[in-house]
Amino acid sequence: MSGKDRPEGISPTAVEGAPGLWRVDLQRHDLSIEGREVIQSRVEFTPDSPPFKHFHPGEEIICVLQGSLEYTLEGQSPVVCNVGDALTVPYGVHHQARNVGTGVAVELATYVVEKGKPLLTKVE
């Protein structure tokens, strides 16, 4: 997608990872825990971004920076998080997120994951 096709409100350095889902990777470092690394990303959701179920090889710690996002974690009722709200997704838990507002929603996602594994695995 070219820059002119980028939706309004999406960071100019963001890369589209799925339809309507954009990421800006901020940092990636090995941890003092053997075989673990931390990855931190800014994730931007357009209002029409479809949710998709997925999981990570470790914990995901989320803080909503802009807008409102609804998170559905396997076995739990959906929860809406607004600016300043935080949520932790446990290791391997299937989950999905969707923008429930009218503008771009943004989360800061910090992943503490197993090094060398795919950061995200989509669940069909």
C-alpha atoms as a PDB file:
ATOM      1  CA  MET A   1       0.000   0.000   0.000  1.00  0.00           C
ATOM      2  CA  SER A   2       1.443   3.340  -0.943  1.00  0.00           C
ATOM      3  CA  GLY A   3       1.601   6.347   1.373  1.00  0.00           C
ATOM      4  CA  LYS A   4      -1.286   8.002  -0.487  1.00  0.00           C
ATOM      5  CA  ASP A   5      -3.468   4.963   0.324  1.00  0.00           C
ATOM      6  CA  ARG A   6      -2.658   5.163   4.043  1.00  0.00           C
ATOM      7  CA  PRO A   7      -5.812   5.924   6.052  1.00  0.00           C
ATOM      8  CA  GLU A   8      -5.960   9.303   7.774  1.00  0.00           C
ATOM      9  CA  GLY A   9      -4.604   9.160  11.324  1.00  0.00           C
ATOM     10  CA  ILE A  10      -2.212   6.225  10.739  1.00  0.00           C
ATOM     11  CA  SER A  11       1.458   6.854  11.585  1.00  0.00           C
ATOM     12  CA  PRO A  12       3.585   7.448   8.471  1.00  0.00           C
ATOM     13  CA  THR A  13       6.079   4.785   9.642  1.00  0.00           C
ATOM     14  CA  ALA A  14       3.423   2.108  10.283  1.00  0.00           C
ATOM     15  CA  VAL A  15       3.375  -1.098   8.234  1.00  0.00           C
ATOM     16  CA  GLU A  16       0.051  -2.779   7.448  1.00  0.00           C
ATOM     17  CA  GLY A  17       0.033  -6.239   9.036  1.00  0.00           C
ATOM     18  CA  ALA A  18      -3.565  -7.144   8.158  1.00  0.00           C
ATOM     19  CA  PRO A  19      -6.450  -5.192   6.618  1.00  0.00           C
ATOM     20  CA  GLY A  20      -6.874  -2.073   8.749  1.00  0.00           C
ATOM     21  CA  LEU A  21      -4.215  -3.157  11.277  1.00  0.00           C
ATOM     22  CA  TRP A  22      -0.964  -1.198  11.287  1.00  0.00           C
ATOM     23  CA  ARG A  23       2.200  -1.646  13.397  1.00  0.00           C
ATOM     24  CA  VAL A  24       5.191   0.433  14.271  1.00  0.00           C
ATOM     25  CA  ASP A  25       7.856  -1.713  15.932  1.00  0.00           C
ATOM     26  CA  LEU A  26       9.500   0.401  18.638  1.00  0.00           C
ATOM     27  CA  GLN A  27      12.071  -1.933  20.186  1.00  0.00           C
ATOM     28  CA  ARG A  28      13.218  -5.547  20.411  1.00  0.00           C
ATOM     29  CA  HIS A  29      15.740  -6.793  22.971  1.00  0.00           C
ATOM     30  CA  ASP A  30      16.932  -9.995  24.592  1.00  0.00           C
ATOM     31  CA  LEU A  31      15.973 -10.334  28.240  1.00  0.00           C
ATOM     32  CA  SER A  32      18.007 -11.622  31.176  1.00  0.00           C
ATOM     33  CA  ILE A  33      15.642 -14.627  31.185  1.00  0.00           C
ATOM     34  CA  GLU A  34      17.219 -17.313  28.981  1.00  0.00           C
ATOM     35  CA  GLY A  35      15.368 -17.729  25.672  1.00  0.00           C
ATOM     36  CA  ARG A  36      13.076 -14.707  26.146  1.00  0.00           C
ATOM     37  CA  GLU A  37      12.887 -11.351  24.409  1.00  0.00           C
ATOM     38  CA  VAL A  38      10.770  -8.228  24.687  1.00  0.00           C
ATOM     39  CA  ILE A  39       9.135  -6.679  21.640  1.00  0.00           C
ATOM     40  CA  GLN A  40       7.291  -3.402  21.894  1.00  0.00           C
ATOM     41  CA  SER A  41       4.988  -2.122  19.157  1.00  0.00           C
ATOM     42  CA  ARG A  42       2.498   0.630  18.548  1.00  0.00           C
ATOM     43  CA  VAL A  43      -0.553  -1.050  16.976  1.00  0.00           C
ATOM     44  CA  GLU A  44      -3.066   1.110  15.129  1.00  0.00           C
ATOM     45  CA  PHE A  45      -6.589  -0.075  14.238  1.00  0.00           C
ATOM     46  CA  THR A  46      -8.837   1.607  11.681  1.00  0.00           C
ATOM     47  CA  PRO A  47     -12.565   1.538  12.473  1.00  0.00           C
ATOM     48  CA  ASP A  48     -13.145  -1.053   9.731  1.00  0.00           C
ATOM     49  CA  SER A  49     -10.301  -3.359  10.822  1.00  0.00           C
ATOM     50  CA  PRO A  50     -11.796  -6.848  11.169  1.00  0.00           C
ATOM     51  CA  PRO A  51     -10.845  -8.711  14.364  1.00  0.00           C
ATOM     52  CA  PHE A  52      -8.929 -11.953  13.946  1.00  0.00           C
ATOM     53  CA  LYS A  53      -8.277 -14.592  16.576  1.00  0.00           C
ATOM     54  CA  HIS A  54      -4.600 -15.182  17.371  1.00  0.00           C
ATOM     55  CA  PHE A  55      -2.113 -15.966  20.143  1.00  0.00           C
ATOM     56  CA  HIS A  56       1.482 -15.171  21.126  1.00  0.00           C
ATOM     57  CA  PRO A  57       4.347 -17.348  22.482  1.00  0.00           C
ATOM     58  CA  GLY A  58       4.368 -15.360  25.731  1.00  0.00           C
ATOM     59  CA  GLU A  59       2.557 -12.565  27.515  1.00  0.00           C
ATOM     60  CA  GLU A  60       1.172  -9.436  25.860  1.00  0.00           C
ATOM     61  CA  ILE A  61       0.841  -6.325  28.012  1.00  0.00           C
ATOM     62  CA  ILE A  62      -1.419  -3.685  26.454  1.00  0.00           C
ATOM     63  CA  CYS A  63      -2.078  -0.019  27.179  1.00  0.00           C
ATOM     64  CA  VAL A  64      -4.642   1.836  25.076  1.00  0.00           C
ATOM     65  CA  LEU A  65      -3.197   5.158  23.898  1.00  0.00           C
ATOM     66  CA  GLN A  66      -6.047   6.404  21.705  1.00  0.00           C
ATOM     67  CA  GLY A  67      -9.681   5.481  21.098  1.00  0.00           C
ATOM     68  CA  SER A  68     -11.538   2.447  22.405  1.00  0.00           C
ATOM     69  CA  LEU A  69     -10.708  -1.203  21.765  1.00  0.00           C
ATOM     70  CA  GLU A  70     -12.755  -4.268  22.618  1.00  0.00           C
ATOM     71  CA  TYR A  71     -10.716  -7.326  23.596  1.00  0.00           C
ATOM     72  CA  THR A  72     -12.099 -10.842  23.667  1.00  0.00           C
ATOM     73  CA  LEU A  73      -9.930 -13.416  25.452  1.00  0.00           C
ATOM     74  CA  GLU A  74     -10.795 -17.091  25.128  1.00  0.00           C
ATOM     75  CA  GLY A  75     -13.230 -18.147  27.858  1.00  0.00           C
ATOM     76  CA  GLN A  76     -13.963 -14.570  28.995  1.00  0.00           C
ATOM     77  CA  SER A  77     -16.594 -11.947  28.203  1.00  0.00           C
ATOM     78  CA  PRO A  78     -15.436  -9.096  25.943  1.00  0.00           C
ATOM     79  CA  VAL A  79     -14.001  -6.042  27.699  1.00  0.00           C
ATOM     80  CA  VAL A  80     -13.755  -2.508  26.304  1.00  0.00           C
ATOM     81  CA  CYS A  81     -10.591  -0.589  27.131  1.00  0.00           C
ATOM     82  CA  ASN A  82     -10.334   3.180  26.700  1.00  0.00           C
ATOM     83  CA  VAL A  83      -7.374   5.589  26.795  1.00  0.00           C
ATOM     84  CA  GLY A  84      -5.126   4.744  29.742  1.00  0.00           C
ATOM     85  CA  ASP A  85      -6.648   1.305  30.380  1.00  0.00           C
ATOM     86  CA  ALA A  86      -4.309  -1.678  30.529  1.00  0.00           C
ATOM     87  CA  LEU A  87      -4.805  -5.377  29.912  1.00  0.00           C
ATOM     88  CA  THR A  88      -2.564  -8.441  30.082  1.00  0.00           C
ATOM     89  CA  VAL A  89      -3.085 -11.415  27.777  1.00  0.00           C
ATOM     90  CA  PRO A  90      -1.562 -14.585  29.280  1.00  0.00           C
ATOM     91  CA  TYR A  91       0.811 -16.855  27.370  1.00  0.00           C
ATOM     92  CA  GLY A  92      -0.885 -18.725  24.512  1.00  0.00           C
ATOM     93  CA  VAL A  93      -4.423 -17.458  25.183  1.00  0.00           C
ATOM     94  CA  HIS A  94      -6.441 -17.042  22.000  1.00  0.00           C
ATOM     95  CA  HIS A  95      -7.740 -13.492  21.727  1.00  0.00           C
ATOM     96  CA  GLN A  96      -8.846 -10.773  19.353  1.00  0.00           C
ATOM     97  CA  ALA A  97      -9.227  -7.007  19.396  1.00  0.00           C
ATOM     98  CA  ARG A  98     -11.465  -4.646  17.504  1.00  0.00           C
ATOM     99  CA  ASN A  99     -11.848  -0.904  17.272  1.00  0.00           C
ATOM    100  CA  VAL A 100     -15.231   0.085  18.705  1.00  0.00           C
ATOM    101  CA  GLY A 101     -14.845   3.809  18.015  1.00  0.00           C
ATOM    102  CA  THR A 102     -15.152   5.986  14.947  1.00  0.00           C
ATOM    103  CA  GLY A 103     -11.502   7.027  14.539  1.00  0.00           C
ATOM    104  CA  VAL A 104      -8.150   5.279  14.626  1.00  0.00           C
ATOM    105  CA  ALA A 105      -7.545   3.400  17.912  1.00  0.00           C
ATOM    106  CA  VAL A 106      -4.005   2.809  19.156  1.00  0.00           C
ATOM    107  CA  GLU A 107      -2.465   0.424  21.675  1.00  0.00           C
ATOM    108  CA  LEU A 108       1.048   0.085  23.015  1.00  0.00           C
ATOM    109  CA  ALA A 109       1.705  -3.664  22.955  1.00  0.00           C
ATOM    110  CA  THR A 110       4.624  -5.085  24.921  1.00  0.00           C
ATOM    111  CA  TYR A 111       5.337  -8.757  24.309  1.00  0.00           C
ATOM    112  CA  VAL A 112       7.509 -10.898  26.593  1.00  0.00           C
ATOM    113  CA  VAL A 113       7.918 -13.937  24.363  1.00  0.00           C
ATOM    114  CA  GLU A 114       9.997 -16.961  23.509  1.00  0.00           C
ATOM    115  CA  LYS A 115      12.853 -15.927  21.247  1.00  0.00           C
ATOM    116  CA  GLY A 116      12.830 -17.400  17.746  1.00  0.00           C
ATOM    117  CA  LYS A 117       9.100 -18.168  17.617  1.00  0.00           C
ATOM    118  CA  PRO A 118       6.627 -16.261  15.443  1.00  0.00           C
ATOM    119  CA  LEU A 119       5.288 -13.279  17.380  1.00  0.00           C
ATOM    120  CA  LEU A 120       1.727 -13.948  16.246  1.00  0.00           C
ATOM    121  CA  THR A 121      -0.053 -17.119  15.198  1.00  0.00           C
ATOM    122  CA  LYS A 122      -3.478 -16.729  13.583  1.00  0.00           C
ATOM    123  CA  VAL A 123      -6.198 -19.135  14.732  1.00  0.00           C
ATOM    124  CA  GLU A 124      -8.560 -20.323  11.997  1.00  0.00           C
END
